[in-house]
Amino acid sequence: MLEQSQTPRSRGPLVAVALVAAVLSGGLAWYLSRAAEDRGTEPTMPATPPASARDEAAPKAAPPPVKKPPPAREELPKPTSPPPAVEPPAPELRVNSDVPGAMVFIDRKFLGKTPLVTRNVTPGTHQLNLVAEGYTAAVRTIEIGEDTTSVDIELNEVTLDETVDVVHKHAFGSCEGRLAASLEGLRYKPSKGDHALSLPWGQLGTFRVDYLDKTLRVEQEGGRTWNFTTRAENADPLFVFHRDVEKARQQLSGN
């Protein structure tokens, strides 16, 4: 009796364990089936395309911007300096004379001999001297302009215009005045009185100077005589006057 009663007790726990195991296995099966369903409903990730497809599908990177060269600066024309002022050519002077080789002086500066062509002059007023041995020097005032200036001088043309201050000695007393010589002859004009003289060259007899006596003697052919002296310390004024007059008289006579 005792053994019969213990046999059912020993089966009871086993049944319980079997039931628990069945429940657990059923729960596990259910859980697994739910998990499978859940996995079936999960969104599927798209398959990774091949690298070539990715390269084609991926947007290509824009090429780096090409820097445009800055616009070329328009070079402004360099300011050109004005051309140097061209100086006008110096004026030209031409001097001719009937005596070749006459020496030409401008403002006492020797420029050359005739016939002369020179540009060594400046515009303006100048004094021209023409000198030749055996001829009376010629003096001209000339005006140099921008154009060529031509001067023709005849030295063979005799000119005479000489004067000297003198004292006319009378037989009694004296008078002062000026003695002048021209191409027409000699003239004496006193500052006072009526002792004037006018003597053509054709009527002149004696015409000489005594340097030591400080006397210039003038004689009319077959007529009167006039003696002149000077207030100067010596007879130089009388000597120069006599020399220049005699030179002109020789030219007039052709000697």
Protein backbone atom coordinates (compact mmCIF):
# COMPACT_ATOMS: atom_id res chain seq x y z
CA MET A 1 0.00 0.00 0.00
CA LEU A 2 2.73 2.17 0.93
CA GLU A 3 4.52 1.68 -2.40
CA GLN A 4 1.36 2.29 -4.46
CA SER A 5 0.77 5.58 -2.84
CA GLN A 6 4.35 6.82 -3.58
CA THR A 7 4.27 6.04 -7.30
CA PRO A 8 1.75 8.69 -8.33
CA ARG A 9 3.60 11.31 -6.26
CA SER A 10 6.79 10.65 -8.16
CA ARG A 11 5.08 11.26 -11.54
CA GLY A 12 3.46 14.49 -10.59
CA PRO A 13 6.63 16.64 -10.64
CA LEU A 14 7.63 15.17 -13.92
CA VAL A 15 4.35 16.12 -15.47
CA ALA A 16 4.70 19.59 -14.11
CA VAL A 17 8.14 19.92 -15.56
CA ALA A 18 6.88 18.62 -18.86
CA LEU A 19 4.08 21.13 -18.86
CA VAL A 20 6.41 23.95 -18.07
CA ALA A 21 8.73 22.82 -20.77
CA ALA A 22 5.86 22.64 -23.22
CA VAL A 23 4.73 26.10 -22.28
CA LEU A 24 8.21 27.45 -22.60
CA SER A 25 8.78 25.81 -25.92
CA GLY A 26 5.44 27.06 -27.15
CA GLY A 27 6.27 30.55 -25.99
CA LEU A 28 9.64 30.33 -27.59
CA ALA A 29 8.13 29.17 -30.84
CA TRP A 30 5.65 31.98 -30.73
CA TYR A 31 8.35 34.48 -30.00
CA LEU A 32 10.46 33.21 -32.78
CA SER A 33 7.60 33.32 -35.22
CA ARG A 34 6.83 36.90 -34.23
CA ALA A 35 10.43 37.80 -34.63
CA ALA A 36 10.43 36.26 -38.07
CA GLU A 37 7.33 38.23 -38.99
CA ASP A 38 8.89 41.36 -37.66
CA ARG A 39 11.94 40.75 -39.76
CA GLY A 40 9.77 40.21 -42.81
CA THR A 41 8.13 43.57 -42.37
CA GLU A 42 11.40 45.48 -41.78
CA PRO A 43 12.28 47.79 -44.66
CA THR A 44 14.90 46.32 -46.80
CA MET A 45 18.01 48.42 -47.48
CA PRO A 46 18.72 48.87 -51.11
CA ALA A 47 21.55 46.89 -52.39
CA THR A 48 24.80 48.81 -52.59
CA PRO A 49 25.36 49.65 -56.21
CA PRO A 50 28.69 48.89 -57.78
CA ALA A 51 31.39 51.53 -57.60
CA SER A 52 30.99 52.43 -61.29
CA ALA A 53 27.28 52.97 -60.77
CA ARG A 54 28.01 55.05 -57.70
CA ASP A 55 30.43 57.13 -59.66
CA GLU A 56 27.89 57.70 -62.41
CA ALA A 57 25.03 58.36 -60.03
CA ALA A 58 26.99 60.61 -57.72
CA PRO A 59 26.96 64.21 -58.83
CA LYS A 60 30.29 65.10 -60.28
CA ALA A 61 32.21 67.74 -58.42
CA ALA A 62 32.19 71.00 -60.24
CA PRO A 63 35.59 71.77 -61.76
CA PRO A 64 37.48 74.50 -59.96
CA PRO A 65 36.62 77.87 -61.37
CA VAL A 66 39.09 79.02 -63.95
CA LYS A 67 40.46 82.34 -62.95
CA LYS A 68 40.13 84.73 -65.77
CA PRO A 69 43.17 86.87 -66.23
CA PRO A 70 42.50 90.44 -65.22
CA PRO A 71 41.63 92.59 -68.14
CA ALA A 72 44.71 94.06 -69.66
CA ARG A 73 45.19 97.62 -68.64
CA GLU A 74 44.86 99.93 -71.48
CA GLU A 75 48.14 101.69 -71.45
CA LEU A 76 47.63 105.36 -71.66
CA PRO A 77 49.98 107.05 -74.05
CA LYS A 78 52.91 108.42 -72.19
CA PRO A 79 52.93 112.16 -72.19
CA THR A 80 55.46 113.19 -74.74
CA SER A 81 57.60 116.16 -73.98
CA PRO A 82 57.15 118.93 -76.48
CA PRO A 83 59.83 118.97 -79.13
CA PRO A 84 62.58 121.43 -78.42
CA ALA A 85 61.89 124.82 -79.80
CA VAL A 86 63.64 125.28 -83.08
CA GLU A 87 65.54 128.50 -83.01
CA PRO A 88 65.16 130.50 -86.15
CA PRO A 89 68.35 130.77 -88.15
CA ALA A 90 70.47 133.79 -87.45
CA PRO A 91 69.93 136.64 -89.88
CA GLU A 92 72.31 136.95 -92.78
CA LEU A 93 74.38 140.02 -93.56
CA ARG A 94 75.97 140.64 -96.95
CA VAL A 95 78.48 143.45 -97.40
CA ASN A 96 79.84 144.37 -100.82
CA SER A 97 82.22 147.11 -101.83
CA ASP A 98 83.74 148.45 -105.00
CA VAL A 99 87.09 147.81 -103.30
CA PRO A 100 87.62 144.06 -102.83
CA GLY A 101 89.23 143.10 -99.54
CA ALA A 102 87.90 146.05 -97.59
CA MET A 103 87.73 145.18 -93.88
CA VAL A 104 84.28 144.98 -92.33
CA PHE A 105 83.69 145.88 -88.69
CA ILE A 106 80.35 145.58 -86.88
CA ASP A 107 80.26 147.50 -83.62
CA ARG A 108 84.08 147.63 -83.78
CA LYS A 109 84.34 143.85 -84.12
CA PHE A 110 86.15 142.58 -87.20
CA LEU A 111 84.00 140.13 -89.18
CA GLY A 112 85.92 139.69 -92.41
CA LYS A 113 86.66 141.25 -95.76
CA THR A 114 84.46 142.15 -98.70
CA PRO A 115 82.67 140.50 -100.31
CA LEU A 116 81.36 139.26 -96.96
CA VAL A 117 78.50 136.91 -96.10
CA THR A 118 78.04 136.23 -92.39
CA ARG A 119 75.46 135.17 -89.82
CA ASN A 120 77.59 136.33 -86.92
CA VAL A 121 75.19 139.18 -86.24
CA THR A 122 72.09 139.70 -84.14
CA PRO A 123 68.90 141.52 -85.05
CA GLY A 124 68.89 145.18 -84.17
CA THR A 125 70.74 148.38 -84.91
CA HIS A 126 74.48 148.20 -85.50
CA GLN A 127 77.32 150.40 -86.70
CA LEU A 128 79.18 149.15 -89.75
CA ASN A 129 82.67 150.39 -90.56
CA LEU A 130 84.33 149.63 -93.88
CA VAL A 131 88.05 150.28 -94.05
CA ALA A 132 90.46 149.95 -96.96
CA GLU A 133 93.98 151.28 -97.23
CA GLY A 134 94.15 154.40 -99.35
CA TYR A 135 90.40 155.12 -99.03
CA THR A 136 88.28 157.08 -96.66
CA ALA A 137 86.66 154.78 -94.15
CA ALA A 138 82.92 154.42 -94.56
CA VAL A 139 80.57 154.40 -91.60
CA ARG A 140 76.97 153.23 -91.86
CA THR A 141 74.22 152.63 -89.35
CA ILE A 142 72.43 149.45 -90.40
CA GLU A 143 69.32 147.65 -89.18
CA ILE A 144 69.51 143.85 -89.07
CA GLY A 145 66.15 142.12 -89.39
CA GLU A 146 65.01 138.52 -89.80
CA ASP A 147 65.65 138.53 -93.53
CA THR A 148 68.93 138.96 -95.35
CA THR A 149 70.41 142.43 -95.07
CA SER A 150 72.54 143.59 -98.00
CA VAL A 151 74.82 146.61 -97.80
CA ASP A 152 76.67 147.99 -100.82
CA ILE A 153 79.31 150.64 -100.16
CA GLU A 154 81.43 152.52 -102.67
CA LEU A 155 84.70 153.56 -101.15
CA ASN A 156 85.69 155.28 -104.38
CA GLU A 157 82.90 157.70 -103.69
CA VAL A 158 84.67 160.55 -101.96
CA THR A 159 82.98 161.99 -98.93
CA LEU A 160 84.17 164.98 -96.98
CA ASP A 161 82.56 166.45 -93.91
CA GLU A 162 85.23 167.63 -91.47
CA THR A 163 85.06 170.43 -88.89
CA VAL A 164 87.41 171.94 -86.31
CA ASP A 165 86.99 174.71 -83.72
CA VAL A 166 89.50 177.45 -84.41
CA VAL A 167 90.57 180.96 -83.51
CA HIS A 168 90.83 183.27 -86.52
CA LYS A 169 93.82 185.58 -86.07
CA HIS A 170 93.26 189.06 -87.44
CA ALA A 171 95.83 191.75 -88.05
CA PHE A 172 94.39 193.29 -84.91
CA GLY A 173 92.63 190.92 -82.54
CA SER A 174 90.92 187.59 -83.26
CA CYS A 175 87.58 185.80 -83.32
CA GLU A 176 86.49 182.28 -82.59
CA GLY A 177 84.43 180.10 -84.84
CA ARG A 178 84.28 176.79 -86.71
CA LEU A 179 86.16 175.85 -89.87
CA ALA A 180 84.43 173.25 -92.04
CA ALA A 181 85.44 171.33 -95.16
CA SER A 182 83.01 169.71 -97.60
CA LEU A 183 83.09 168.57 -101.20
CA GLU A 184 82.30 172.15 -102.17
CA GLY A 185 85.25 173.76 -100.36
CA LEU A 186 86.19 175.50 -97.10
CA ARG A 187 83.86 177.57 -94.92
CA TYR A 188 84.50 179.52 -91.80
CA LYS A 189 81.68 180.78 -89.64
CA PRO A 190 82.64 183.01 -86.69
CA SER A 191 80.61 183.02 -83.52
CA LYS A 192 80.62 186.82 -83.78
CA GLY A 193 81.48 189.38 -86.38
CA ASP A 194 81.57 189.35 -90.16
CA HIS A 195 84.84 187.54 -90.85
CA ALA A 196 83.15 184.60 -92.55
CA LEU A 197 84.93 182.59 -95.22
CA SER A 198 83.62 180.57 -98.17
CA LEU A 199 86.31 179.31 -100.52
CA PRO A 200 85.72 176.73 -103.32
CA TRP A 201 88.44 174.18 -103.84
CA GLY A 202 89.15 175.57 -107.25
CA GLN A 203 90.20 178.89 -105.68
CA LEU A 204 92.39 177.42 -102.97
CA GLY A 205 96.05 178.23 -103.31
CA THR A 206 97.88 177.30 -100.10
CA PHE A 207 96.60 174.93 -97.49
CA ARG A 208 99.16 173.86 -94.90
CA VAL A 209 99.63 173.39 -91.14
CA ASP A 210 102.54 174.51 -89.00
CA TYR A 211 102.45 172.15 -86.05
CA LEU A 212 105.03 173.95 -83.92
CA ASP A 213 103.44 177.33 -84.53
CA LYS A 214 99.93 175.88 -84.02
CA THR A 215 98.80 177.57 -87.20
CA LEU A 216 96.70 176.42 -90.17
CA ARG A 217 97.29 178.71 -93.17
CA VAL A 218 94.70 179.09 -95.94
CA GLU A 219 95.46 181.21 -99.01
CA GLN A 220 93.21 182.13 -101.86
CA GLU A 221 94.88 182.15 -105.25
CA GLY A 222 95.77 185.74 -105.94
CA GLY A 223 93.77 186.84 -102.92
CA ARG A 224 93.51 186.86 -99.16
CA THR A 225 95.20 184.79 -96.49
CA TRP A 226 93.60 183.35 -93.35
CA ASN A 227 95.52 182.08 -90.34
CA PHE A 228 93.80 179.84 -87.80
CA THR A 229 94.97 178.52 -84.45
CA THR A 230 93.37 176.43 -81.68
CA ARG A 231 92.66 176.70 -77.97
CA ALA A 232 93.95 173.16 -77.52
CA GLU A 233 97.28 172.53 -75.82
CA ASN A 234 98.85 171.45 -79.11
CA ALA A 235 98.13 171.56 -82.84
CA ASP A 236 96.60 168.07 -83.01
CA PRO A 237 93.08 169.26 -83.95
CA LEU A 238 94.51 171.35 -86.79
CA PHE A 239 96.77 168.51 -87.93
CA VAL A 240 93.93 165.94 -88.10
CA PHE A 241 91.67 168.38 -89.93
CA HIS A 242 94.35 169.17 -92.49
CA ARG A 243 95.24 165.48 -93.01
CA ASP A 244 91.66 164.36 -93.68
CA VAL A 245 90.95 167.27 -95.99
CA GLU A 246 94.08 166.66 -98.03
CA LYS A 247 93.26 162.96 -98.36
CA ALA A 248 89.82 163.76 -99.75
CA ARG A 249 91.27 166.33 -102.13
CA GLN A 250 93.66 163.73 -103.49
CA GLN A 251 90.78 161.32 -104.10
CA LEU A 252 88.83 164.05 -105.84
CA SER A 253 91.76 164.79 -108.10
CA GLY A 254 92.35 161.08 -108.78
CA ASN A 255 95.86 161.06 -107.31
